[in-house]
């Protein structure tokens, strides 16, 4: 099985957040509150990782172009 890259993980995290948010909006409870906040934390973590990847690829390409 092919492991998801960070872009795919971020997309799946957003879809999980979207579903959790729908539940939260429909039924305000401690459980739905915790679940939606967990998904948001996951998105924040994955977004930071992806930002670093993008920055590294950009810098590598930029350095390769100047030589």
PDB file of N, CA and C in Angstrom:
ATOM      1  N   UNK A   1       0.843  -1.184   0.000  1.00  0.00           N
ATOM      2  CA  UNK A   1       0.000   0.000   0.000  1.00  0.00           C
ATOM      3  C   UNK A   1       0.885   1.242   0.000  1.00  0.00           C
ATOM      4  N   UNK A   2       0.512   2.215  -0.786  1.00  0.00           N
ATOM      5  CA  UNK A   2       1.253   3.466  -0.870  1.00  0.00           C
ATOM      6  C   UNK A   2       0.831   4.374   0.281  1.00  0.00           C
ATOM      7  N   UNK A   3       1.837   4.907   0.971  1.00  0.00           N
ATOM      8  CA  UNK A   3       1.551   5.813   2.089  1.00  0.00           C
ATOM      9  C   UNK A   3       1.221   7.200   1.535  1.00  0.00           C
ATOM     10  N   UNK A   4       0.270   7.869   2.159  1.00  0.00           N
ATOM     11  CA  UNK A   4      -0.124   9.215   1.739  1.00  0.00           C
ATOM     12  C   UNK A   4       1.005  10.199   2.012  1.00  0.00           C
ATOM     13  N   UNK A   5       1.155  11.160   1.096  1.00  0.00           N
ATOM     14  CA  UNK A   5       2.099  12.235   1.371  1.00  0.00           C
ATOM     15  C   UNK A   5       1.376  13.274   2.241  1.00  0.00           C
ATOM     16  N   UNK A   6       2.103  14.293   2.643  1.00  0.00           N
ATOM     17  CA  UNK A   6       1.521  15.261   3.574  1.00  0.00           C
ATOM     18  C   UNK A   6       0.377  16.059   2.963  1.00  0.00           C
ATOM     19  N   UNK A   7       0.411  16.274   1.655  1.00  0.00           N
ATOM     20  CA  UNK A   7      -0.700  16.958   0.999  1.00  0.00           C
ATOM     21  C   UNK A   7      -1.982  16.134   1.143  1.00  0.00           C
ATOM     22  N   UNK A   8      -1.874  14.826   0.912  1.00  0.00           N
ATOM     23  CA  UNK A   8      -3.037  13.947   1.047  1.00  0.00           C
ATOM     24  C   UNK A   8      -3.532  13.891   2.489  1.00  0.00           C
ATOM     25  N   UNK A   9      -2.599  13.835   3.422  1.00  0.00           N
ATOM     26  CA  UNK A   9      -2.977  13.822   4.844  1.00  0.00           C
ATOM     27  C   UNK A   9      -3.706  15.103   5.219  1.00  0.00           C
ATOM     28  N   UNK A  10      -3.233  16.224   4.692  1.00  0.00           N
ATOM     29  CA  UNK A  10      -3.878  17.507   4.974  1.00  0.00           C
ATOM     30  C   UNK A  10      -5.289  17.548   4.397  1.00  0.00           C
ATOM     31  N   UNK A  11      -5.440  17.024   3.196  1.00  0.00           N
ATOM     32  CA  UNK A  11      -6.764  16.974   2.567  1.00  0.00           C
ATOM     33  C   UNK A  11      -7.717  16.095   3.372  1.00  0.00           C
ATOM     34  N   UNK A  12      -7.240  14.938   3.797  1.00  0.00           N
ATOM     35  CA  UNK A  12      -8.079  14.038   4.597  1.00  0.00           C
ATOM     36  C   UNK A  12      -8.417  14.653   5.951  1.00  0.00           C
ATOM     37  N   UNK A  13      -7.463  15.383   6.527  1.00  0.00           N
ATOM     38  CA  UNK A  13      -7.717  16.052   7.808  1.00  0.00           C
ATOM     39  C   UNK A  13      -8.811  17.103   7.645  1.00  0.00           C
ATOM     40  N   UNK A  14      -8.792  17.830   6.525  1.00  0.00           N
ATOM     41  CA  UNK A  14      -9.835  18.825   6.292  1.00  0.00           C
ATOM     42  C   UNK A  14     -11.196  18.155   6.133  1.00  0.00           C
ATOM     43  N   UNK A  15     -11.237  17.059   5.394  1.00  0.00           N
ATOM     44  CA  UNK A  15     -12.509  16.363   5.216  1.00  0.00           C
ATOM     45  C   UNK A  15     -13.045  15.849   6.555  1.00  0.00           C
ATOM     46  N   UNK A  16     -12.144  15.376   7.414  1.00  0.00           N
ATOM     47  CA  UNK A  16     -12.547  14.956   8.756  1.00  0.00           C
ATOM     48  C   UNK A  16     -13.076  16.124   9.565  1.00  0.00           C
ATOM     49  N   UNK A  17     -12.391  17.272   9.448  1.00  0.00           N
ATOM     50  CA  UNK A  17     -12.858  18.482  10.124  1.00  0.00           C
ATOM     51  C   UNK A  17     -14.243  18.884   9.615  1.00  0.00           C
ATOM     52  N   UNK A  18     -14.437  18.819   8.307  1.00  0.00           N
ATOM     53  CA  UNK A  18     -15.709  19.222   7.725  1.00  0.00           C
ATOM     54  C   UNK A  18     -16.856  18.391   8.292  1.00  0.00           C
ATOM     55  N   UNK A  19     -16.662  17.080   8.364  1.00  0.00           N
ATOM     56  CA  UNK A  19     -17.693  16.197   8.912  1.00  0.00           C
ATOM     57  C   UNK A  19     -17.926  16.479  10.398  1.00  0.00           C
ATOM     58  N   UNK A  20     -16.822  16.666  11.132  1.00  0.00           N
ATOM     59  CA  UNK A  20     -16.947  16.941  12.565  1.00  0.00           C
ATOM     60  C   UNK A  20     -17.649  18.270  12.798  1.00  0.00           C
ATOM     61  N   UNK A  21     -17.370  19.244  11.958  1.00  0.00           N
ATOM     62  CA  UNK A  21     -18.003  20.554  12.115  1.00  0.00           C
ATOM     63  C   UNK A  21     -19.502  20.477  11.851  1.00  0.00           C
ATOM     64  N   UNK A  22     -19.887  19.670  10.872  1.00  0.00           N
ATOM     65  CA  UNK A  22     -21.317  19.474  10.598  1.00  0.00           C
ATOM     66  C   UNK A  22     -22.016  18.888  11.833  1.00  0.00           C
ATOM     67  N   UNK A  23     -21.380  17.903  12.463  1.00  0.00           N
ATOM     68  CA  UNK A  23     -21.945  17.311  13.674  1.00  0.00           C
ATOM     69  C   UNK A  23     -22.030  18.341  14.794  1.00  0.00           C
ATOM     70  N   UNK A  24     -20.983  19.143  14.934  1.00  0.00           N
ATOM     71  CA  UNK A  24     -20.948  20.162  15.979  1.00  0.00           C
ATOM     72  C   UNK A  24     -22.060  21.187  15.788  1.00  0.00           C
ATOM     73  N   UNK A  25     -22.242  21.634  14.554  1.00  0.00           N
ATOM     74  CA  UNK A  25     -23.290  22.622  14.268  1.00  0.00           C
ATOM     75  C   UNK A  25     -24.687  22.048  14.519  1.00  0.00           C
ATOM     76  N   UNK A  26     -24.853  20.760  14.267  1.00  0.00           N
ATOM     77  CA  UNK A  26     -26.155  20.125  14.461  1.00  0.00           C
ATOM     78  C   UNK A  26     -26.431  19.826  15.930  1.00  0.00           C
ATOM     79  N   UNK A  27     -25.374  19.485  16.656  1.00  0.00           N
ATOM     80  CA  UNK A  27     -25.562  19.070  18.046  1.00  0.00           C
ATOM     81  C   UNK A  27     -24.382  19.576  18.886  1.00  0.00           C
ATOM     82  N   UNK A  28     -24.607  20.648  19.610  1.00  0.00           N
ATOM     83  CA  UNK A  28     -23.565  21.196  20.473  1.00  0.00           C
ATOM     84  C   UNK A  28     -23.417  20.301  21.694  1.00  0.00           C
ATOM     85  N   UNK A  29     -22.273  19.632  21.785  1.00  0.00           N
ATOM     86  CA  UNK A  29     -22.010  18.782  22.934  1.00  0.00           C
ATOM     87  C   UNK A  29     -20.514  18.784  23.209  1.00  0.00           C
ATOM     88  N   UNK A  30     -20.139  18.267  24.348  1.00  0.00           N
ATOM     89  CA  UNK A  30     -18.730  18.184  24.697  1.00  0.00           C
ATOM     90  C   UNK A  30     -17.992  17.321  23.680  1.00  0.00           C
ATOM     91  N   UNK A  31     -18.593  16.212  23.301  1.00  0.00           N
ATOM     92  CA  UNK A  31     -17.953  15.296  22.355  1.00  0.00           C
ATOM     93  C   UNK A  31     -17.711  15.953  21.001  1.00  0.00           C
ATOM     94  N   UNK A  32     -18.722  16.605  20.443  1.00  0.00           N
ATOM     95  CA  UNK A  32     -18.551  17.230  19.126  1.00  0.00           C
ATOM     96  C   UNK A  32     -17.575  18.401  19.212  1.00  0.00           C
ATOM     97  N   UNK A  33     -17.599  19.118  20.329  1.00  0.00           N
ATOM     98  CA  UNK A  33     -16.669  20.229  20.560  1.00  0.00           C
ATOM     99  C   UNK A  33     -15.230  19.718  20.530  1.00  0.00           C
ATOM    100  N   UNK A  34     -14.968  18.652  21.268  1.00  0.00           N
ATOM    101  CA  UNK A  34     -13.606  18.082  21.315  1.00  0.00           C
ATOM    102  C   UNK A  34     -13.170  17.565  19.946  1.00  0.00           C
ATOM    103  N   UNK A  35     -14.086  16.890  19.274  1.00  0.00           N
ATOM    104  CA  UNK A  35     -13.747  16.285  17.993  1.00  0.00           C
ATOM    105  C   UNK A  35     -13.368  17.339  16.951  1.00  0.00           C
ATOM    106  N   UNK A  36     -14.151  18.399  16.853  1.00  0.00           N
ATOM    107  CA  UNK A  36     -13.867  19.422  15.845  1.00  0.00           C
ATOM    108  C   UNK A  36     -12.560  20.146  16.179  1.00  0.00           C
ATOM    109  N   UNK A  37     -12.291  20.379  17.441  1.00  0.00           N
ATOM    110  CA  UNK A  37     -11.029  21.042  17.822  1.00  0.00           C
ATOM    111  C   UNK A  37      -9.825  20.135  17.562  1.00  0.00           C
ATOM    112  N   UNK A  38      -9.993  18.841  17.739  1.00  0.00           N
ATOM    113  CA  UNK A  38      -8.908  17.896  17.443  1.00  0.00           C
ATOM    114  C   UNK A  38      -8.550  17.950  15.965  1.00  0.00           C
ATOM    115  N   UNK A  39      -9.560  17.972  15.111  1.00  0.00           N
ATOM    116  CA  UNK A  39      -9.308  18.045  13.677  1.00  0.00           C
ATOM    117  C   UNK A  39      -8.610  19.352  13.311  1.00  0.00           C
ATOM    118  N   UNK A  40      -8.986  20.439  13.946  1.00  0.00           N
ATOM    119  CA  UNK A  40      -8.325  21.711  13.671  1.00  0.00           C
ATOM    120  C   UNK A  40      -6.857  21.685  14.095  1.00  0.00           C
ATOM    121  N   UNK A  41      -6.554  21.046  15.220  1.00  0.00           N
ATOM    122  CA  UNK A  41      -5.153  20.915  15.648  1.00  0.00           C
ATOM    123  C   UNK A  41      -4.364  20.077  14.655  1.00  0.00           C
ATOM    124  N   UNK A  42      -4.969  19.005  14.176  1.00  0.00           N
ATOM    125  CA  UNK A  42      -4.305  18.157  13.184  1.00  0.00           C
ATOM    126  C   UNK A  42      -4.009  18.949  11.909  1.00  0.00           C
ATOM    127  N   UNK A  43      -4.973  19.739  11.464  1.00  0.00           N
ATOM    128  CA  UNK A  43      -4.789  20.555  10.265  1.00  0.00           C
ATOM    129  C   UNK A  43      -3.633  21.535  10.474  1.00  0.00           C
ATOM    130  N   UNK A  44      -3.589  22.166  11.626  1.00  0.00           N
ATOM    131  CA  UNK A  44      -2.519  23.130  11.919  1.00  0.00           C
ATOM    132  C   UNK A  44      -1.149  22.449  11.862  1.00  0.00           C
ATOM    133  N   UNK A  45      -1.034  21.268  12.444  1.00  0.00           N
ATOM    134  CA  UNK A  45       0.228  20.534  12.455  1.00  0.00           C
ATOM    135  C   UNK A  45       0.639  20.126  11.039  1.00  0.00           C
ATOM    136  N   UNK A  46      -0.298  19.558  10.298  1.00  0.00           N
ATOM    137  CA  UNK A  46      -0.002  19.127   8.935  1.00  0.00           C
ATOM    138  C   UNK A  46       0.294  20.309   8.015  1.00  0.00           C
ATOM    139  N   UNK A  47      -0.379  21.429   8.220  1.00  0.00           N
ATOM    140  CA  UNK A  47      -0.129  22.617   7.410  1.00  0.00           C
ATOM    141  C   UNK A  47       1.289  23.126   7.637  1.00  0.00           C
ATOM    142  N   UNK A  48       1.752  23.107   8.856  1.00  0.00           N
ATOM    143  CA  UNK A  48       3.118  23.541   9.165  1.00  0.00           C
ATOM    144  C   UNK A  48       4.128  22.631   8.472  1.00  0.00           C
ATOM    145  N   UNK A  49       3.913  21.325   8.526  1.00  0.00           N
ATOM    146  CA  UNK A  49       4.807  20.382   7.861  1.00  0.00           C
ATOM    147  C   UNK A  49       4.821  20.638   6.356  1.00  0.00           C
ATOM    148  N   UNK A  50       3.650  20.822   5.777  1.00  0.00           N
ATOM    149  CA  UNK A  50       3.551  21.057   4.328  1.00  0.00           C
ATOM    150  C   UNK A  50       4.207  22.375   3.937  1.00  0.00           C
ATOM    151  N   UNK A  51       4.048  23.412   4.748  1.00  0.00           N
ATOM    152  CA  UNK A  51       4.698  24.690   4.463  1.00  0.00           C
ATOM    153  C   UNK A  51       6.210  24.518   4.407  1.00  0.00           C
ATOM    154  N   UNK A  52       6.761  23.760   5.344  1.00  0.00           N
ATOM    155  CA  UNK A  52       8.201  23.522   5.372  1.00  0.00           C
ATOM    156  C   UNK A  52       8.658  22.744   4.138  1.00  0.00           C
ATOM    157  N   UNK A  53       7.859  21.755   3.714  1.00  0.00           N
ATOM    158  CA  UNK A  53       8.193  20.991   2.506  1.00  0.00           C
ATOM    159  C   UNK A  53       8.217  21.893   1.272  1.00  0.00           C
ATOM    160  N   UNK A  54       7.195  22.701   1.135  1.00  0.00           N
ATOM    161  CA  UNK A  54       7.096  23.602  -0.013  1.00  0.00           C
ATOM    162  C   UNK A  54       8.273  24.568  -0.028  1.00  0.00           C
ATOM    163  N   UNK A  55       8.610  25.107   1.120  1.00  0.00           N
ATOM    164  CA  UNK A  55       9.725  26.046   1.235  1.00  0.00           C
ATOM    165  C   UNK A  55      11.043  25.372   0.850  1.00  0.00           C
ATOM    166  N   UNK A  56      11.245  24.137   1.286  1.00  0.00           N
ATOM    167  CA  UNK A  56      12.472  23.407   0.964  1.00  0.00           C
ATOM    168  C   UNK A  56      12.570  23.129  -0.539  1.00  0.00           C
ATOM    169  N   UNK A  57      11.475  22.737  -1.157  1.00  0.00           N
ATOM    170  CA  UNK A  57      11.477  22.471  -2.601  1.00  0.00           C
ATOM    171  C   UNK A  57      11.766  23.760  -3.361  1.00  0.00           C
ATOM    172  N   UNK A  58      11.146  24.842  -2.954  1.00  0.00           N
ATOM    173  CA  UNK A  58      11.360  26.135  -3.609  1.00  0.00           C
ATOM    174  C   UNK A  58      12.825  26.556  -3.498  1.00  0.00           C
ATOM    175  N   UNK A  59      13.380  26.455  -2.303  1.00  0.00           N
ATOM    176  CA  UNK A  59      14.775  26.860  -2.105  1.00  0.00           C
ATOM    177  C   UNK A  59      15.730  25.968  -2.895  1.00  0.00           C
ATOM    178  N   UNK A  60      15.456  24.671  -2.965  1.00  0.00           N
ATOM    179  CA  UNK A  60      16.305  23.762  -3.729  1.00  0.00           C
ATOM    180  C   UNK A  60      16.263  24.110  -5.213  1.00  0.00           C
ATOM    181  N   UNK A  61      15.083  24.396  -5.723  1.00  0.00           N
ATOM    182  CA  UNK A  61      14.949  24.769  -7.135  1.00  0.00           C
ATOM    183  C   UNK A  61      15.623  26.108  -7.393  1.00  0.00           C
ATOM    184  N   UNK A  62      15.455  27.042  -6.504  1.00  0.00           N
ATOM    185  CA  UNK A  62      16.040  28.368  -6.646  1.00  0.00           C
ATOM    186  C   UNK A  62      17.566  28.266  -6.668  1.00  0.00           C
ATOM    187  N   UNK A  63      18.139  27.449  -5.790  1.00  0.00           N
ATOM    188  CA  UNK A  63      19.589  27.271  -5.747  1.00  0.00           C
ATOM    189  C   UNK A  63      20.092  26.569  -6.998  1.00  0.00           C
ATOM    190  N   UNK A  64      19.318  25.642  -7.529  1.00  0.00           N
ATOM    191  CA  UNK A  64      19.692  24.934  -8.742  1.00  0.00           C
ATOM    192  C   UNK A  64      19.671  25.835  -9.966  1.00  0.00           C
ATOM    193  N   UNK A  65      18.795  26.825  -9.986  1.00  0.00           N
ATOM    194  CA  UNK A  65      18.682  27.747 -11.123  1.00  0.00           C
ATOM    195  C   UNK A  65      19.826  28.745 -11.168  1.00  0.00           C
ATOM    196  N   UNK A  66      20.395  29.079 -10.009  1.00  0.00           N
ATOM    197  CA  UNK A  66      21.429  30.111  -9.970  1.00  0.00           C
ATOM    198  C   UNK A  66      22.807  29.566 -10.321  1.00  0.00           C
ATOM    199  N   UNK A  67      22.972  28.259 -10.319  1.00  0.00           N
ATOM    200  CA  UNK A  67      24.299  27.674 -10.602  1.00  0.00           C
ATOM    201  C   UNK A  67      24.541  27.511 -12.071  1.00  0.00           C
TER     202      UNK A  67
END
